[in-house]
Amino acid sequence: MTLIIATVAFIALDFVDRFPNALLYIEGSTPARTRKYQIAISRHFEDIDELFNIFGITKHGEINEFTKNVNYEGFLFKSKL
């Protein structure tokens, strides 16, 4: 799973380098994978937060600033660069 997350991170950085004003949406193919993405985001939050504004999407479709220990259905990233 670490390789998958590293690959997603690399692709995300390349994408926002090409499209700096775009929003990047990330969701796992299963709820368990989405949860693993959330754990990785939480674990590396300080590093990610330097590059991106991070938002979580709740099961009710609300978009909020990412907060650790809150379950999300998906994630939005907006480049700070």
PDB file of N, CA and C in Angstrom:
ATOM      1  N   MET A   1       0.827  -1.199   0.000  1.00  0.00           N
ATOM      2  CA  MET A   1       0.000   0.000   0.000  1.00  0.00           C
ATOM      3  C   MET A   1       0.868   1.258   0.000  1.00  0.00           C
ATOM      4  N   THR A   2       2.019   1.214   0.637  1.00  0.00           N
ATOM      5  CA  THR A   2       2.898   2.381   0.679  1.00  0.00           C
ATOM      6  C   THR A   2       3.313   2.800  -0.728  1.00  0.00           C
ATOM      7  N   LEU A   3       3.584   1.832  -1.581  1.00  0.00           N
ATOM      8  CA  LEU A   3       3.955   2.137  -2.965  1.00  0.00           C
ATOM      9  C   LEU A   3       2.804   2.815  -3.697  1.00  0.00           C
ATOM     10  N   ILE A   4       1.587   2.367  -3.454  1.00  0.00           N
ATOM     11  CA  ILE A   4       0.413   2.984  -4.089  1.00  0.00           C
ATOM     12  C   ILE A   4       0.275   4.434  -3.647  1.00  0.00           C
ATOM     13  N   ILE A   5       0.404   4.681  -2.347  1.00  0.00           N
ATOM     14  CA  ILE A   5       0.275   6.048  -1.832  1.00  0.00           C
ATOM     15  C   ILE A   5       1.391   6.928  -2.369  1.00  0.00           C
ATOM     16  N   ALA A   6       2.600   6.405  -2.442  1.00  0.00           N
ATOM     17  CA  ALA A   6       3.713   7.180  -3.000  1.00  0.00           C
ATOM     18  C   ALA A   6       3.460   7.495  -4.471  1.00  0.00           C
ATOM     19  N   THR A   7       2.899   6.549  -5.209  1.00  0.00           N
ATOM     20  CA  THR A   7       2.580   6.767  -6.623  1.00  0.00           C
ATOM     21  C   THR A   7       1.505   7.834  -6.767  1.00  0.00           C
ATOM     22  N   VAL A   8       0.468   7.767  -5.947  1.00  0.00           N
ATOM     23  CA  VAL A   8      -0.592   8.789  -5.974  1.00  0.00           C
ATOM     24  C   VAL A   8       0.000  10.164  -5.663  1.00  0.00           C
ATOM     25  N   ALA A   9       0.879  10.241  -4.681  1.00  0.00           N
ATOM     26  CA  ALA A   9       1.503  11.523  -4.318  1.00  0.00           C
ATOM     27  C   ALA A   9       2.323  12.075  -5.479  1.00  0.00           C
ATOM     28  N   PHE A  10       3.095  11.222  -6.131  1.00  0.00           N
ATOM     29  CA  PHE A  10       3.905  11.655  -7.269  1.00  0.00           C
ATOM     30  C   PHE A  10       3.021  12.170  -8.401  1.00  0.00           C
ATOM     31  N   ILE A  11       1.965  11.442  -8.700  1.00  0.00           N
ATOM     32  CA  ILE A  11       1.045  11.850  -9.764  1.00  0.00           C
ATOM     33  C   ILE A  11       0.355  13.164  -9.390  1.00  0.00           C
ATOM     34  N   ALA A  12      -0.023  13.316  -8.125  1.00  0.00           N
ATOM     35  CA  ALA A  12      -0.672  14.550  -7.673  1.00  0.00           C
ATOM     36  C   ALA A  12       0.252  15.745  -7.869  1.00  0.00           C
ATOM     37  N   LEU A  13       1.513  15.607  -7.503  1.00  0.00           N
ATOM     38  CA  LEU A  13       2.462  16.711  -7.671  1.00  0.00           C
ATOM     39  C   LEU A  13       2.662  17.048  -9.144  1.00  0.00           C
ATOM     40  N   ASP A  14       2.758  16.046  -9.986  1.00  0.00           N
ATOM     41  CA  ASP A  14       2.894  16.273 -11.422  1.00  0.00           C
ATOM     42  C   ASP A  14       1.651  16.953 -11.991  1.00  0.00           C
ATOM     43  N   PHE A  15       0.480  16.505 -11.558  1.00  0.00           N
ATOM     44  CA  PHE A  15      -0.780  17.069 -12.043  1.00  0.00           C
ATOM     45  C   PHE A  15      -0.894  18.549 -11.696  1.00  0.00           C
ATOM     46  N   VAL A  16      -0.647  18.907 -10.439  1.00  0.00           N
ATOM     47  CA  VAL A  16      -0.797  20.315 -10.051  1.00  0.00           C
ATOM     48  C   VAL A  16       0.314  21.181 -10.622  1.00  0.00           C
ATOM     49  N   ASP A  17       1.441  20.570 -10.975  1.00  0.00           N
ATOM     50  CA  ASP A  17       2.485  21.325 -11.663  1.00  0.00           C
ATOM     51  C   ASP A  17       1.994  21.734 -13.048  1.00  0.00           C
ATOM     52  N   ARG A  18       1.242  20.858 -13.693  1.00  0.00           N
ATOM     53  CA  ARG A  18       0.713  21.137 -15.030  1.00  0.00           C
ATOM     54  C   ARG A  18      -0.564  21.977 -14.995  1.00  0.00           C
ATOM     55  N   PHE A  19      -1.372  21.783 -13.949  1.00  0.00           N
ATOM     56  CA  PHE A  19      -2.666  22.463 -13.822  1.00  0.00           C
ATOM     57  C   PHE A  19      -2.780  23.079 -12.422  1.00  0.00           C
ATOM     58  N   PRO A  20      -2.063  24.177 -12.171  1.00  0.00           N
ATOM     59  CA  PRO A  20      -1.967  24.718 -10.803  1.00  0.00           C
ATOM     60  C   PRO A  20      -3.285  25.202 -10.205  1.00  0.00           C
ATOM     61  N   ASN A  21      -4.275  25.514 -10.992  1.00  0.00           N
ATOM     62  CA  ASN A  21      -5.548  26.011 -10.463  1.00  0.00           C
ATOM     63  C   ASN A  21      -6.605  24.916 -10.305  1.00  0.00           C
ATOM     64  N   ALA A  22      -6.252  23.703 -10.661  1.00  0.00           N
ATOM     65  CA  ALA A  22      -7.203  22.595 -10.602  1.00  0.00           C
ATOM     66  C   ALA A  22      -7.347  22.072  -9.177  1.00  0.00           C
ATOM     67  N   LEU A  23      -8.501  21.494  -8.912  1.00  0.00           N
ATOM     68  CA  LEU A  23      -8.710  20.750  -7.681  1.00  0.00           C
ATOM     69  C   LEU A  23      -8.453  19.287  -7.984  1.00  0.00           C
ATOM     70  N   LEU A  24      -7.791  18.604  -7.072  1.00  0.00           N
ATOM     71  CA  LEU A  24      -7.506  17.195  -7.240  1.00  0.00           C
ATOM     72  C   LEU A  24      -8.377  16.411  -6.270  1.00  0.00           C
ATOM     73  N   TYR A  25      -9.172  15.484  -6.800  1.00  0.00           N
ATOM     74  CA  TYR A  25     -10.063  14.666  -5.982  1.00  0.00           C
ATOM     75  C   TYR A  25      -9.473  13.272  -5.839  1.00  0.00           C
ATOM     76  N   ILE A  26      -9.426  12.782  -4.600  1.00  0.00           N
ATOM     77  CA  ILE A  26      -8.900  11.445  -4.342  1.00  0.00           C
ATOM     78  C   ILE A  26      -9.900  10.668  -3.505  1.00  0.00           C
ATOM     79  N   GLU A  27     -10.173   9.452  -3.958  1.00  0.00           N
ATOM     80  CA  GLU A  27     -11.053   8.534  -3.236  1.00  0.00           C
ATOM     81  C   GLU A  27     -10.571   7.125  -3.533  1.00  0.00           C
ATOM     82  N   GLY A  28     -10.550   6.272  -2.533  1.00  0.00           N
ATOM     83  CA  GLY A  28     -10.173   4.888  -2.753  1.00  0.00           C
ATOM     84  C   GLY A  28     -11.249   4.143  -3.517  1.00  0.00           C
ATOM     85  N   SER A  29     -10.870   3.027  -4.115  1.00  0.00           N
ATOM     86  CA  SER A  29     -11.840   2.220  -4.853  1.00  0.00           C
ATOM     87  C   SER A  29     -12.760   1.443  -3.912  1.00  0.00           C
ATOM     88  N   THR A  30     -12.396   1.390  -2.646  1.00  0.00           N
ATOM     89  CA  THR A  30     -13.231   0.783  -1.612  1.00  0.00           C
ATOM     90  C   THR A  30     -13.171   1.678  -0.369  1.00  0.00           C
ATOM     91  N   PRO A  31     -14.122   1.554   0.539  1.00  0.00           N
ATOM     92  CA  PRO A  31     -14.039   2.335   1.780  1.00  0.00           C
ATOM     93  C   PRO A  31     -12.743   2.063   2.559  1.00  0.00           C
ATOM     94  N   ALA A  32     -12.260   0.832   2.529  1.00  0.00           N
ATOM     95  CA  ALA A  32     -11.016   0.507   3.235  1.00  0.00           C
ATOM     96  C   ALA A  32      -9.823   1.247   2.628  1.00  0.00           C
ATOM     97  N   ARG A  33      -9.787   1.353   1.319  1.00  0.00           N
ATOM     98  CA  ARG A  33      -8.689   2.092   0.679  1.00  0.00           C
ATOM     99  C   ARG A  33      -8.803   3.583   0.951  1.00  0.00           C
ATOM    100  N   THR A  34     -10.013   4.101   0.947  1.00  0.00           N
ATOM    101  CA  THR A  34     -10.192   5.514   1.289  1.00  0.00           C
ATOM    102  C   THR A  34      -9.683   5.755   2.704  1.00  0.00           C
ATOM    103  N   ARG A  35      -9.978   4.852   3.600  1.00  0.00           N
ATOM    104  CA  ARG A  35      -9.502   4.967   4.983  1.00  0.00           C
ATOM    105  C   ARG A  35      -7.984   4.929   5.041  1.00  0.00           C
ATOM    106  N   LYS A  36      -7.355   4.086   4.229  1.00  0.00           N
ATOM    107  CA  LYS A  36      -5.891   4.034   4.198  1.00  0.00           C
ATOM    108  C   LYS A  36      -5.307   5.337   3.664  1.00  0.00           C
ATOM    109  N   TYR A  37      -5.966   5.943   2.672  1.00  0.00           N
ATOM    110  CA  TYR A  37      -5.525   7.257   2.200  1.00  0.00           C
ATOM    111  C   TYR A  37      -5.634   8.274   3.332  1.00  0.00           C
ATOM    112  N   GLN A  38      -6.722   8.218   4.073  1.00  0.00           N
ATOM    113  CA  GLN A  38      -6.917   9.155   5.178  1.00  0.00           C
ATOM    114  C   GLN A  38      -5.824   8.984   6.236  1.00  0.00           C
ATOM    115  N   ILE A  39      -5.488   7.761   6.536  1.00  0.00           N
ATOM    116  CA  ILE A  39      -4.423   7.507   7.508  1.00  0.00           C
ATOM    117  C   ILE A  39      -3.101   8.072   7.003  1.00  0.00           C
ATOM    118  N   ALA A  40      -2.815   7.870   5.722  1.00  0.00           N
ATOM    119  CA  ALA A  40      -1.576   8.394   5.145  1.00  0.00           C
ATOM    120  C   ALA A  40      -1.560   9.922   5.160  1.00  0.00           C
ATOM    121  N   ILE A  41      -2.698  10.539   4.835  1.00  0.00           N
ATOM    122  CA  ILE A  41      -2.784  12.006   4.868  1.00  0.00           C
ATOM    123  C   ILE A  41      -2.544  12.493   6.292  1.00  0.00           C
ATOM    124  N   SER A  42      -3.163  11.857   7.260  1.00  0.00           N
ATOM    125  CA  SER A  42      -2.986  12.250   8.663  1.00  0.00           C
ATOM    126  C   SER A  42      -1.538  12.083   9.097  1.00  0.00           C
ATOM    127  N   ARG A  43      -0.939  10.982   8.726  1.00  0.00           N
ATOM    128  CA  ARG A  43       0.438  10.679   9.126  1.00  0.00           C
ATOM    129  C   ARG A  43       1.426  11.694   8.541  1.00  0.00           C
ATOM    130  N   HIS A  44       1.156  12.155   7.327  1.00  0.00           N
ATOM    131  CA  HIS A  44       2.076  13.061   6.641  1.00  0.00           C
ATOM    132  C   HIS A  44       1.485  14.468   6.474  1.00  0.00           C
ATOM    133  N   PHE A  45       0.543  14.798   7.342  1.00  0.00           N
ATOM    134  CA  PHE A  45      -0.213  16.040   7.197  1.00  0.00           C
ATOM    135  C   PHE A  45       0.688  17.271   7.109  1.00  0.00           C
ATOM    136  N   GLU A  46       1.670  17.372   7.992  1.00  0.00           N
ATOM    137  CA  GLU A  46       2.516  18.569   8.026  1.00  0.00           C
ATOM    138  C   GLU A  46       3.238  18.784   6.693  1.00  0.00           C
ATOM    139  N   ASP A  47       3.728  17.694   6.095  1.00  0.00           N
ATOM    140  CA  ASP A  47       4.410  17.806   4.800  1.00  0.00           C
ATOM    141  C   ASP A  47       3.436  18.152   3.684  1.00  0.00           C
ATOM    142  N   ILE A  48       2.291  17.486   3.665  1.00  0.00           N
ATOM    143  CA  ILE A  48       1.297  17.726   2.617  1.00  0.00           C
ATOM    144  C   ILE A  48       0.744  19.134   2.728  1.00  0.00           C
ATOM    145  N   ASP A  49       0.515  19.587   3.960  1.00  0.00           N
ATOM    146  CA  ASP A  49      -0.076  20.906   4.201  1.00  0.00           C
ATOM    147  C   ASP A  49       0.814  22.041   3.698  1.00  0.00           C
ATOM    148  N   GLU A  50       2.097  21.799   3.555  1.00  0.00           N
ATOM    149  CA  GLU A  50       2.995  22.822   3.002  1.00  0.00           C
ATOM    150  C   GLU A  50       2.727  23.051   1.516  1.00  0.00           C
ATOM    151  N   LEU A  51       2.211  22.031   0.837  1.00  0.00           N
ATOM    152  CA  LEU A  51       2.006  22.101  -0.611  1.00  0.00           C
ATOM    153  C   LEU A  51       0.550  22.268  -1.028  1.00  0.00           C
ATOM    154  N   PHE A  52      -0.365  21.782  -0.191  1.00  0.00           N
ATOM    155  CA  PHE A  52      -1.772  21.745  -0.572  1.00  0.00           C
ATOM    156  C   PHE A  52      -2.683  22.236   0.546  1.00  0.00           C
ATOM    157  N   ASN A  53      -3.796  22.867   0.152  1.00  0.00           N
ATOM    158  CA  ASN A  53      -4.944  23.012   1.045  1.00  0.00           C
ATOM    159  C   ASN A  53      -5.692  21.697   0.922  1.00  0.00           C
ATOM    160  N   ILE A  54      -6.034  21.093   2.050  1.00  0.00           N
ATOM    161  CA  ILE A  54      -6.627  19.765   2.050  1.00  0.00           C
ATOM    162  C   ILE A  54      -8.037  19.848   2.615  1.00  0.00           C
ATOM    163  N   PHE A  55      -8.978  19.266   1.897  1.00  0.00           N
ATOM    164  CA  PHE A  55     -10.382  19.247   2.323  1.00  0.00           C
ATOM    165  C   PHE A  55     -10.880  17.810   2.344  1.00  0.00           C
ATOM    166  N   GLY A  56     -11.758  17.512   3.270  1.00  0.00           N
ATOM    167  CA  GLY A  56     -12.392  16.201   3.340  1.00  0.00           C
ATOM    168  C   GLY A  56     -13.853  16.332   2.956  1.00  0.00           C
ATOM    169  N   ILE A  57     -14.377  15.318   2.300  1.00  0.00           N
ATOM    170  CA  ILE A  57     -15.782  15.291   1.901  1.00  0.00           C
ATOM    171  C   ILE A  57     -16.484  14.249   2.774  1.00  0.00           C
ATOM    172  N   THR A  58     -17.505  14.685   3.491  1.00  0.00           N
ATOM    173  CA  THR A  58     -18.226  13.794   4.402  1.00  0.00           C
ATOM    174  C   THR A  58     -19.224  12.942   3.634  1.00  0.00           C
ATOM    175  N   LYS A  59     -19.795  11.964   4.323  1.00  0.00           N
ATOM    176  CA  LYS A  59     -20.783  11.095   3.659  1.00  0.00           C
ATOM    177  C   LYS A  59     -22.042  11.853   3.275  1.00  0.00           C
ATOM    178  N   HIS A  60     -22.240  13.061   3.832  1.00  0.00           N
ATOM    179  CA  HIS A  60     -23.391  13.894   3.477  1.00  0.00           C
ATOM    180  C   HIS A  60     -23.038  14.906   2.385  1.00  0.00           C
ATOM    181  N   GLY A  61     -21.825  14.793   1.839  1.00  0.00           N
ATOM    182  CA  GLY A  61     -21.409  15.667   0.753  1.00  0.00           C
ATOM    183  C   GLY A  61     -20.871  17.011   1.197  1.00  0.00           C
ATOM    184  N   GLU A  62     -20.703  17.207   2.478  1.00  0.00           N
ATOM    185  CA  GLU A  62     -20.141  18.469   2.976  1.00  0.00           C
ATOM    186  C   GLU A  62     -18.634  18.477   2.741  1.00  0.00           C
ATOM    187  N   ILE A  63     -18.109  19.640   2.380  1.00  0.00           N
ATOM    188  CA  ILE A  63     -16.679  19.807   2.166  1.00  0.00           C
ATOM    189  C   ILE A  63     -16.145  20.681   3.291  1.00  0.00           C
ATOM    190  N   ASN A  64     -15.210  20.111   4.057  1.00  0.00           N
ATOM    191  CA  ASN A  64     -14.628  20.818   5.199  1.00  0.00           C
ATOM    192  C   ASN A  64     -13.117  20.739   5.129  1.00  0.00           C
ATOM    193  N   GLU A  65     -12.451  21.667   5.811  1.00  0.00           N
ATOM    194  CA  GLU A  65     -11.004  21.548   5.926  1.00  0.00           C
ATOM    195  C   GLU A  65     -10.694  20.207   6.573  1.00  0.00           C
ATOM    196  N   PHE A  66      -9.660  19.551   6.076  1.00  0.00           N
ATOM    197  CA  PHE A  66      -9.287  18.239   6.596  1.00  0.00           C
ATOM    198  C   PHE A  66      -8.963  18.339   8.078  1.00  0.00           C
ATOM    199  N   THR A  67      -9.542  17.443   8.840  1.00  0.00           N
ATOM    200  CA  THR A  67      -9.290  17.337  10.266  1.00  0.00           C
ATOM    201  C   THR A  67      -8.958  15.891  10.580  1.00  0.00           C
ATOM    202  N   LYS A  68      -7.880  15.681  11.312  1.00  0.00           N
ATOM    203  CA  LYS A  68      -7.516  14.324  11.709  1.00  0.00           C
ATOM    204  C   LYS A  68      -8.633  13.724  12.554  1.00  0.00           C
ATOM    205  N   ASN A  69      -8.780  12.420  12.459  1.00  0.00           N
ATOM    206  CA  ASN A  69      -9.750  11.648  13.246  1.00  0.00           C
ATOM    207  C   ASN A  69     -11.208  11.927  12.882  1.00  0.00           C
ATOM    208  N   VAL A  70     -11.446  12.469  11.696  1.00  0.00           N
ATOM    209  CA  VAL A  70     -12.796  12.619  11.160  1.00  0.00           C
ATOM    210  C   VAL A  70     -12.841  11.762   9.901  1.00  0.00           C
ATOM    211  N   ASN A  71     -13.858  10.920   9.781  1.00  0.00           N
ATOM    212  CA  ASN A  71     -13.949  10.035   8.616  1.00  0.00           C
ATOM    213  C   ASN A  71     -14.501  10.780   7.408  1.00  0.00           C
ATOM    214  N   TYR A  72     -13.840  10.576   6.268  1.00  0.00           N
ATOM    215  CA  TYR A  72     -14.238  11.218   5.021  1.00  0.00           C
ATOM    216  C   TYR A  72     -14.460  10.171   3.937  1.00  0.00           C
ATOM    217  N   GLU A  73     -15.263  10.539   2.962  1.00  0.00           N
ATOM    218  CA  GLU A  73     -15.542   9.686   1.810  1.00  0.00           C
ATOM    219  C   GLU A  73     -14.573   9.954   0.668  1.00  0.00           C
ATOM    220  N   GLY A  74     -13.959  11.119   0.669  1.00  0.00           N
ATOM    221  CA  GLY A  74     -13.019  11.518  -0.371  1.00  0.00           C
ATOM    222  C   GLY A  74     -12.284  12.761   0.081  1.00  0.00           C
ATOM    223  N   PHE A  75     -11.335  13.191  -0.747  1.00  0.00           N
ATOM    224  CA  PHE A  75     -10.471  14.306  -0.374  1.00  0.00           C
ATOM    225  C   PHE A  75     -10.246  15.213  -1.573  1.00  0.00           C
ATOM    226  N   LEU A  76     -10.184  16.499  -1.315  1.00  0.00           N
ATOM    227  CA  LEU A  76      -9.856  17.497  -2.328  1.00  0.00           C
ATOM    228  C   LEU A  76      -8.547  18.164  -1.946  1.00  0.00           C
ATOM    229  N   PHE A  77      -7.696  18.348  -2.944  1.00  0.00           N
ATOM    230  CA  PHE A  77      -6.430  19.027  -2.729  1.00  0.00           C
ATOM    231  C   PHE A  77      -6.359  20.218  -3.681  1.00  0.00           C
ATOM    232  N   LYS A  78      -5.931  21.352  -3.154  1.00  0.00           N
ATOM    233  CA  LYS A  78      -5.719  22.556  -3.958  1.00  0.00           C
ATOM    234  C   LYS A  78      -4.286  23.013  -3.725  1.00  0.00           C
ATOM    235  N   SER A  79      -3.546  23.179  -4.776  1.00  0.00           N
ATOM    236  CA  SER A  79      -2.145  23.549  -4.665  1.00  0.00           C
ATOM    237  C   SER A  79      -1.972  24.907  -4.011  1.00  0.00           C
ATOM    238  N   LYS A  80      -0.987  25.017  -3.160  1.00  0.00           N
ATOM    239  CA  LYS A  80      -0.633  26.305  -2.538  1.00  0.00           C
ATOM    240  C   LYS A  80       0.493  26.979  -3.327  1.00  0.00           C
ATOM    241  N   LEU A  81       1.033  26.286  -4.317  1.00  0.00           N
ATOM    242  CA  LEU A  81       2.168  26.812  -5.064  1.00  0.00           C
ATOM    243  C   LEU A  81       1.749  27.750  -6.157  1.00  0.00           C
TER     244      LEU A  81
END
